[in-house]
């Protein structure tokens, strides 16, 4: 979770910052044709990759926490 969570959060925040900058350009400076700019697609890609990395780290942490008890066996008698 530490590695993938950090990378996912940073990637998502970078994509969100790009999307926020493009939205400010559109609404305050009247710059249109946003989907013609490669920065728009890079922002969306960064947000999607960030979400996937965060979820992968979260699921990995859940699996690691729940699998610790699987290797403990109760032996009724020793032969």
PDB file of N, CA and C in Angstrom:
ATOM      1  N   UNK A   1       0.828  -1.186   0.000  1.00  0.00           N
ATOM      2  CA  UNK A   1       0.000   0.000   0.000  1.00  0.00           C
ATOM      3  C   UNK A   1       0.869   1.244   0.000  1.00  0.00           C
ATOM      4  N   UNK A   2       2.004   1.163   0.661  1.00  0.00           N
ATOM      5  CA  UNK A   2       2.838   2.355   0.771  1.00  0.00           C
ATOM      6  C   UNK A   2       3.363   2.789  -0.596  1.00  0.00           C
ATOM      7  N   UNK A   3       3.899   1.856  -1.353  1.00  0.00           N
ATOM      8  CA  UNK A   3       4.469   2.208  -2.660  1.00  0.00           C
ATOM      9  C   UNK A   3       3.377   2.533  -3.674  1.00  0.00           C
ATOM     10  N   UNK A   4       2.447   1.597  -3.869  1.00  0.00           N
ATOM     11  CA  UNK A   4       1.420   1.802  -4.881  1.00  0.00           C
ATOM     12  C   UNK A   4       0.442   2.897  -4.470  1.00  0.00           C
ATOM     13  N   UNK A   5       0.181   3.011  -3.189  1.00  0.00           N
ATOM     14  CA  UNK A   5      -0.706   4.070  -2.723  1.00  0.00           C
ATOM     15  C   UNK A   5      -0.117   5.449  -2.968  1.00  0.00           C
ATOM     16  N   UNK A   6       1.169   5.586  -2.695  1.00  0.00           N
ATOM     17  CA  UNK A   6       1.838   6.872  -2.917  1.00  0.00           C
ATOM     18  C   UNK A   6       1.904   7.210  -4.407  1.00  0.00           C
ATOM     19  N   UNK A   7       2.319   6.240  -5.215  1.00  0.00           N
ATOM     20  CA  UNK A   7       2.399   6.485  -6.661  1.00  0.00           C
ATOM     21  C   UNK A   7       1.017   6.769  -7.255  1.00  0.00           C
ATOM     22  N   UNK A   8       0.019   6.031  -6.798  1.00  0.00           N
ATOM     23  CA  UNK A   8      -1.335   6.250  -7.295  1.00  0.00           C
ATOM     24  C   UNK A   8      -1.871   7.608  -6.909  1.00  0.00           C
ATOM     25  N   UNK A   9      -1.627   8.006  -5.669  1.00  0.00           N
ATOM     26  CA  UNK A   9      -2.100   9.312  -5.213  1.00  0.00           C
ATOM     27  C   UNK A   9      -1.407  10.439  -5.964  1.00  0.00           C
ATOM     28  N   UNK A  10      -0.103  10.335  -6.136  1.00  0.00           N
ATOM     29  CA  UNK A  10       0.624  11.374  -6.870  1.00  0.00           C
ATOM     30  C   UNK A  10       0.179  11.465  -8.324  1.00  0.00           C
ATOM     31  N   UNK A  11      -0.024  10.307  -8.952  1.00  0.00           N
ATOM     32  CA  UNK A  11      -0.467  10.294 -10.342  1.00  0.00           C
ATOM     33  C   UNK A  11      -1.872  10.878 -10.470  1.00  0.00           C
ATOM     34  N   UNK A  12      -2.762  10.506  -9.556  1.00  0.00           N
ATOM     35  CA  UNK A  12      -4.119  11.034  -9.611  1.00  0.00           C
ATOM     36  C   UNK A  12      -4.129  12.543  -9.379  1.00  0.00           C
ATOM     37  N   UNK A  13      -3.333  13.008  -8.424  1.00  0.00           N
ATOM     38  CA  UNK A  13      -3.290  14.449  -8.163  1.00  0.00           C
ATOM     39  C   UNK A  13      -2.704  15.223  -9.337  1.00  0.00           C
ATOM     40  N   UNK A  14      -1.722  14.643 -10.024  1.00  0.00           N
ATOM     41  CA  UNK A  14      -1.169  15.298 -11.213  1.00  0.00           C
ATOM     42  C   UNK A  14      -2.230  15.393 -12.307  1.00  0.00           C
ATOM     43  N   UNK A  15      -2.967  14.316 -12.528  1.00  0.00           N
ATOM     44  CA  UNK A  15      -4.037  14.338 -13.524  1.00  0.00           C
ATOM     45  C   UNK A  15      -5.152  15.299 -13.147  1.00  0.00           C
ATOM     46  N   UNK A  16      -5.481  15.350 -11.853  1.00  0.00           N
ATOM     47  CA  UNK A  16      -6.514  16.274 -11.396  1.00  0.00           C
ATOM     48  C   UNK A  16      -6.054  17.718 -11.560  1.00  0.00           C
ATOM     49  N   UNK A  17      -4.778  17.982 -11.302  1.00  0.00           N
ATOM     50  CA  UNK A  17      -4.236  19.327 -11.502  1.00  0.00           C
ATOM     51  C   UNK A  17      -4.288  19.746 -12.952  1.00  0.00           C
ATOM     52  N   UNK A  18      -3.983  18.819 -13.851  1.00  0.00           N
ATOM     53  CA  UNK A  18      -4.055  19.111 -15.285  1.00  0.00           C
ATOM     54  C   UNK A  18      -5.497  19.405 -15.687  1.00  0.00           C
ATOM     55  N   UNK A  19      -6.424  18.589 -15.204  1.00  0.00           N
ATOM     56  CA  UNK A  19      -7.836  18.807 -15.532  1.00  0.00           C
ATOM     57  C   UNK A  19      -8.332  20.129 -14.954  1.00  0.00           C
ATOM     58  N   UNK A  20      -7.881  20.474 -13.767  1.00  0.00           N
ATOM     59  CA  UNK A  20      -8.275  21.735 -13.150  1.00  0.00           C
ATOM     60  C   UNK A  20      -7.740  22.927 -13.946  1.00  0.00           C
ATOM     61  N   UNK A  21      -6.492  22.832 -14.405  1.00  0.00           N
ATOM     62  CA  UNK A  21      -5.913  23.905 -15.217  1.00  0.00           C
ATOM     63  C   UNK A  21      -6.673  24.068 -16.525  1.00  0.00           C
ATOM     64  N   UNK A  22      -7.033  22.963 -17.152  1.00  0.00           N
ATOM     65  CA  UNK A  22      -7.793  23.047 -18.399  1.00  0.00           C
ATOM     66  C   UNK A  22      -9.190  23.603 -18.166  1.00  0.00           C
ATOM     67  N   UNK A  23      -9.812  23.260 -17.050  1.00  0.00           N
ATOM     68  CA  UNK A  23     -11.140  23.800 -16.746  1.00  0.00           C
ATOM     69  C   UNK A  23     -11.066  25.298 -16.479  1.00  0.00           C
ATOM     70  N   UNK A  24     -10.033  25.742 -15.785  1.00  0.00           N
ATOM     71  CA  UNK A  24      -9.860  27.180 -15.541  1.00  0.00           C
ATOM     72  C   UNK A  24      -9.627  27.915 -16.855  1.00  0.00           C
ATOM     73  N   UNK A  25      -8.815  27.326 -17.736  1.00  0.00           N
ATOM     74  CA  UNK A  25      -8.602  27.933 -19.056  1.00  0.00           C
ATOM     75  C   UNK A  25      -9.904  28.057 -19.837  1.00  0.00           C
ATOM     76  N   UNK A  26     -10.756  27.044 -19.718  1.00  0.00           N
ATOM     77  CA  UNK A  26     -12.003  27.069 -20.480  1.00  0.00           C
ATOM     78  C   UNK A  26     -12.986  28.091 -19.925  1.00  0.00           C
ATOM     79  N   UNK A  27     -13.170  28.117 -18.626  1.00  0.00           N
ATOM     80  CA  UNK A  27     -14.225  28.956 -18.060  1.00  0.00           C
ATOM     81  C   UNK A  27     -13.809  30.407 -17.828  1.00  0.00           C
ATOM     82  N   UNK A  28     -12.545  30.655 -17.570  1.00  0.00           N
ATOM     83  CA  UNK A  28     -12.134  32.029 -17.276  1.00  0.00           C
ATOM     84  C   UNK A  28     -11.436  32.726 -18.442  1.00  0.00           C
ATOM     85  N   UNK A  29     -10.769  31.940 -19.300  1.00  0.00           N
ATOM     86  CA  UNK A  29     -10.036  32.556 -20.408  1.00  0.00           C
ATOM     87  C   UNK A  29     -10.637  32.243 -21.769  1.00  0.00           C
ATOM     88  N   UNK A  30     -11.762  31.551 -21.786  1.00  0.00           N
ATOM     89  CA  UNK A  30     -12.498  31.218 -23.019  1.00  0.00           C
ATOM     90  C   UNK A  30     -11.636  30.518 -24.060  1.00  0.00           C
ATOM     91  N   UNK A  31     -10.849  29.564 -23.618  1.00  0.00           N
ATOM     92  CA  UNK A  31     -10.062  28.741 -24.533  1.00  0.00           C
ATOM     93  C   UNK A  31     -10.838  27.451 -24.760  1.00  0.00           C
ATOM     94  N   UNK A  32     -11.228  27.200 -26.008  1.00  0.00           N
ATOM     95  CA  UNK A  32     -12.049  26.034 -26.312  1.00  0.00           C
ATOM     96  C   UNK A  32     -11.219  24.986 -27.045  1.00  0.00           C
ATOM     97  N   UNK A  33     -11.881  23.950 -27.552  1.00  0.00           N
ATOM     98  CA  UNK A  33     -11.245  22.810 -28.229  1.00  0.00           C
ATOM     99  C   UNK A  33     -10.273  22.093 -27.297  1.00  0.00           C
ATOM    100  N   UNK A  34     -10.768  21.766 -26.121  1.00  0.00           N
ATOM    101  CA  UNK A  34      -9.904  21.125 -25.133  1.00  0.00           C
ATOM    102  C   UNK A  34      -9.544  19.691 -25.526  1.00  0.00           C
ATOM    103  N   UNK A  35     -10.446  19.018 -26.202  1.00  0.00           N
ATOM    104  CA  UNK A  35     -10.160  17.632 -26.561  1.00  0.00           C
ATOM    105  C   UNK A  35      -9.182  17.521 -27.718  1.00  0.00           C
ATOM    106  N   UNK A  36      -8.833  18.629 -28.330  1.00  0.00           N
ATOM    107  CA  UNK A  36      -7.817  18.609 -29.382  1.00  0.00           C
ATOM    108  C   UNK A  36      -6.411  18.728 -28.814  1.00  0.00           C
ATOM    109  N   UNK A  37      -6.314  18.954 -27.527  1.00  0.00           N
ATOM    110  CA  UNK A  37      -5.004  19.137 -26.897  1.00  0.00           C
ATOM    111  C   UNK A  37      -4.544  17.819 -26.272  1.00  0.00           C
ATOM    112  N   UNK A  38      -3.286  17.433 -26.462  1.00  0.00           N
ATOM    113  CA  UNK A  38      -2.776  16.190 -25.872  1.00  0.00           C
ATOM    114  C   UNK A  38      -2.744  16.230 -24.348  1.00  0.00           C
ATOM    115  N   UNK A  39      -2.669  17.410 -23.768  1.00  0.00           N
ATOM    116  CA  UNK A  39      -2.637  17.535 -22.311  1.00  0.00           C
ATOM    117  C   UNK A  39      -3.930  17.032 -21.682  1.00  0.00           C
ATOM    118  N   UNK A  40      -5.044  17.186 -22.379  1.00  0.00           N
ATOM    119  CA  UNK A  40      -6.330  16.698 -21.898  1.00  0.00           C
ATOM    120  C   UNK A  40      -6.303  15.179 -21.728  1.00  0.00           C
ATOM    121  N   UNK A  41      -5.802  14.492 -22.727  1.00  0.00           N
ATOM    122  CA  UNK A  41      -5.753  13.030 -22.671  1.00  0.00           C
ATOM    123  C   UNK A  41      -4.704  12.551 -21.663  1.00  0.00           C
ATOM    124  N   UNK A  42      -3.628  13.278 -21.515  1.00  0.00           N
ATOM    125  CA  UNK A  42      -2.631  12.913 -20.509  1.00  0.00           C
ATOM    126  C   UNK A  42      -3.200  13.054 -19.097  1.00  0.00           C
ATOM    127  N   UNK A  43      -4.003  14.070 -18.879  1.00  0.00           N
ATOM    128  CA  UNK A  43      -4.635  14.244 -17.570  1.00  0.00           C
ATOM    129  C   UNK A  43      -5.588  13.118 -17.246  1.00  0.00           C
ATOM    130  N   UNK A  44      -6.400  12.726 -18.218  1.00  0.00           N
ATOM    131  CA  UNK A  44      -7.324  11.608 -18.013  1.00  0.00           C
ATOM    132  C   UNK A  44      -6.557  10.317 -17.784  1.00  0.00           C
ATOM    133  N   UNK A  45      -5.506  10.094 -18.566  1.00  0.00           N
ATOM    134  CA  UNK A  45      -4.682   8.899 -18.403  1.00  0.00           C
ATOM    135  C   UNK A  45      -4.035   8.850 -17.026  1.00  0.00           C
ATOM    136  N   UNK A  46      -3.539   9.976 -16.542  1.00  0.00           N
ATOM    137  CA  UNK A  46      -2.907  10.026 -15.228  1.00  0.00           C
ATOM    138  C   UNK A  46      -3.914   9.725 -14.125  1.00  0.00           C
ATOM    139  N   UNK A  47      -5.134  10.213 -14.253  1.00  0.00           N
ATOM    140  CA  UNK A  47      -6.149   9.928 -13.230  1.00  0.00           C
ATOM    141  C   UNK A  47      -6.555   8.456 -13.237  1.00  0.00           C
ATOM    142  N   UNK A  48      -6.669   7.858 -14.406  1.00  0.00           N
ATOM    143  CA  UNK A  48      -7.038   6.440 -14.492  1.00  0.00           C
ATOM    144  C   UNK A  48      -5.924   5.566 -13.942  1.00  0.00           C
ATOM    145  N   UNK A  49      -4.685   5.839 -14.326  1.00  0.00           N
ATOM    146  CA  UNK A  49      -3.555   5.051 -13.829  1.00  0.00           C
ATOM    147  C   UNK A  49      -3.391   5.230 -12.328  1.00  0.00           C
ATOM    148  N   UNK A  50      -3.590   6.445 -11.841  1.00  0.00           N
ATOM    149  CA  UNK A  50      -3.503   6.690 -10.407  1.00  0.00           C
ATOM    150  C   UNK A  50      -4.534   5.909  -9.629  1.00  0.00           C
ATOM    151  N   UNK A  51      -5.759   5.858 -10.140  1.00  0.00           N
ATOM    152  CA  UNK A  51      -6.808   5.088  -9.477  1.00  0.00           C
ATOM    153  C   UNK A  51      -6.474   3.606  -9.477  1.00  0.00           C
ATOM    154  N   UNK A  52      -5.978   3.092 -10.587  1.00  0.00           N
ATOM    155  CA  UNK A  52      -5.640   1.669 -10.667  1.00  0.00           C
ATOM    156  C   UNK A  52      -4.485   1.315  -9.742  1.00  0.00           C
ATOM    157  N   UNK A  53      -3.477   2.171  -9.659  1.00  0.00           N
ATOM    158  CA  UNK A  53      -2.360   1.903  -8.760  1.00  0.00           C
ATOM    159  C   UNK A  53      -2.802   1.919  -7.301  1.00  0.00           C
ATOM    160  N   UNK A  54      -3.643   2.880  -6.943  1.00  0.00           N
ATOM    161  CA  UNK A  54      -4.124   2.958  -5.569  1.00  0.00           C
ATOM    162  C   UNK A  54      -4.945   1.723  -5.205  1.00  0.00           C
ATOM    163  N   UNK A  55      -5.827   1.296  -6.099  1.00  0.00           N
ATOM    164  CA  UNK A  55      -6.655   0.118  -5.835  1.00  0.00           C
ATOM    165  C   UNK A  55      -5.793  -1.142  -5.764  1.00  0.00           C
ATOM    166  N   UNK A  56      -4.775  -1.248  -6.607  1.00  0.00           N
ATOM    167  CA  UNK A  56      -3.879  -2.405  -6.563  1.00  0.00           C
ATOM    168  C   UNK A  56      -3.136  -2.461  -5.233  1.00  0.00           C
ATOM    169  N   UNK A  57      -2.666  -1.331  -4.753  1.00  0.00           N
ATOM    170  CA  UNK A  57      -2.003  -1.302  -3.453  1.00  0.00           C
ATOM    171  C   UNK A  57      -2.943  -1.627  -2.323  1.00  0.00           C
ATOM    172  N   UNK A  58      -4.167  -1.127  -2.396  1.00  0.00           N
ATOM    173  CA  UNK A  58      -5.157  -1.399  -1.358  1.00  0.00           C
ATOM    174  C   UNK A  58      -5.525  -2.876  -1.320  1.00  0.00           C
ATOM    175  N   UNK A  59      -5.751  -3.485  -2.479  1.00  0.00           N
ATOM    176  CA  UNK A  59      -6.072  -4.913  -2.522  1.00  0.00           C
ATOM    177  C   UNK A  59      -4.891  -5.766  -2.072  1.00  0.00           C
ATOM    178  N   UNK A  60      -3.685  -5.379  -2.437  1.00  0.00           N
ATOM    179  CA  UNK A  60      -2.503  -6.099  -1.981  1.00  0.00           C
ATOM    180  C   UNK A  60      -2.364  -6.058  -0.469  1.00  0.00           C
ATOM    181  N   UNK A  61      -2.661  -4.909   0.106  1.00  0.00           N
ATOM    182  CA  UNK A  61      -2.610  -4.780   1.566  1.00  0.00           C
ATOM    183  C   UNK A  61      -3.676  -5.643   2.235  1.00  0.00           C
ATOM    184  N   UNK A  62      -4.869  -5.690   1.660  1.00  0.00           N
ATOM    185  CA  UNK A  62      -5.922  -6.531   2.211  1.00  0.00           C
ATOM    186  C   UNK A  62      -5.554  -8.004   2.142  1.00  0.00           C
ATOM    187  N   UNK A  63      -4.984  -8.432   1.042  1.00  0.00           N
ATOM    188  CA  UNK A  63      -4.589  -9.833   0.892  1.00  0.00           C
ATOM    189  C   UNK A  63      -3.467 -10.175   1.864  1.00  0.00           C
ATOM    190  N   UNK A  64      -2.508  -9.285   2.018  1.00  0.00           N
ATOM    191  CA  UNK A  64      -1.384  -9.544   2.923  1.00  0.00           C
ATOM    192  C   UNK A  64      -1.840  -9.602   4.377  1.00  0.00           C
ATOM    193  N   UNK A  65      -2.797  -8.807   4.740  1.00  0.00           N
ATOM    194  CA  UNK A  65      -3.275  -8.793   6.132  1.00  0.00           C
ATOM    195  C   UNK A  65      -4.116 -10.014   6.464  1.00  0.00           C
ATOM    196  N   UNK A  66      -4.900 -10.505   5.516  1.00  0.00           N
ATOM    197  CA  UNK A  66      -5.783 -11.627   5.808  1.00  0.00           C
ATOM    198  C   UNK A  66      -5.117 -12.979   5.635  1.00  0.00           C
ATOM    199  N   UNK A  67      -3.984 -13.071   4.968  1.00  0.00           N
ATOM    200  CA  UNK A  67      -3.369 -14.374   4.716  1.00  0.00           C
ATOM    201  C   UNK A  67      -2.370 -14.785   5.790  1.00  0.00           C
ATOM    202  N   UNK A  68      -2.214 -14.022   6.856  1.00  0.00           N
ATOM    203  CA  UNK A  68      -1.243 -14.384   7.888  1.00  0.00           C
ATOM    204  C   UNK A  68      -1.715 -15.580   8.715  1.00  0.00           C
ATOM    205  N   UNK A  69      -2.999 -15.756   8.888  1.00  0.00           N
ATOM    206  CA  UNK A  69      -3.520 -16.836   9.717  1.00  0.00           C
ATOM    207  C   UNK A  69      -3.715 -18.140   8.969  1.00  0.00           C
ATOM    208  N   UNK A  70      -3.510 -18.170   7.694  1.00  0.00           N
ATOM    209  CA  UNK A  70      -3.763 -19.380   6.918  1.00  0.00           C
ATOM    210  C   UNK A  70      -2.710 -20.459   7.148  1.00  0.00           C
ATOM    211  N   UNK A  71      -1.539 -20.121   7.585  1.00  0.00           N
ATOM    212  CA  UNK A  71      -0.468 -21.107   7.752  1.00  0.00           C
ATOM    213  C   UNK A  71      -0.393 -21.666   9.162  1.00  0.00           C
ATOM    214  N   UNK A  72      -1.298 -21.333  10.021  1.00  0.00           N
ATOM    215  CA  UNK A  72      -1.315 -21.880  11.375  1.00  0.00           C
ATOM    216  C   UNK A  72      -2.336 -23.011  11.424  1.00  0.00           C
ATOM    217  N   UNK A  73      -1.833 -24.222  11.729  1.00  0.00           N
ATOM    218  CA  UNK A  73      -2.678 -25.402  11.758  1.00  0.00           C
ATOM    219  C   UNK A  73      -2.817 -25.890  13.188  1.00  0.00           C
ATOM    220  N   UNK A  74      -3.956 -26.463  13.513  1.00  0.00           N
ATOM    221  CA  UNK A  74      -4.149 -27.075  14.814  1.00  0.00           C
ATOM    222  C   UNK A  74      -3.947 -28.573  14.660  1.00  0.00           C
ATOM    223  N   UNK A  75      -2.962 -29.093  15.365  1.00  0.00           N
ATOM    224  CA  UNK A  75      -2.638 -30.514  15.299  1.00  0.00           C
ATOM    225  C   UNK A  75      -3.265 -31.177  16.516  1.00  0.00           C
ATOM    226  N   UNK A  76      -4.109 -32.186  16.277  1.00  0.00           N
ATOM    227  CA  UNK A  76      -4.790 -32.834  17.389  1.00  0.00           C
ATOM    228  C   UNK A  76      -3.859 -33.811  18.117  1.00  0.00           C
ATOM    229  N   UNK A  77      -3.055 -34.560  17.403  1.00  0.00           N
ATOM    230  CA  UNK A  77      -2.090 -35.454  18.047  1.00  0.00           C
ATOM    231  C   UNK A  77      -0.866 -35.618  17.159  1.00  0.00           C
ATOM    232  N   UNK A  78       0.219 -35.920  17.778  1.00  0.00           N
ATOM    233  CA  UNK A  78       1.479 -36.074  17.058  1.00  0.00           C
ATOM    234  C   UNK A  78       1.793 -37.539  16.909  1.00  0.00           C
ATOM    235  N   UNK A  79       2.167 -37.959  15.715  1.00  0.00           N
ATOM    236  CA  UNK A  79       2.452 -39.376  15.466  1.00  0.00           C
ATOM    237  C   UNK A  79       3.935 -39.642  15.613  1.00  0.00           C
TER     238      UNK A  79
END
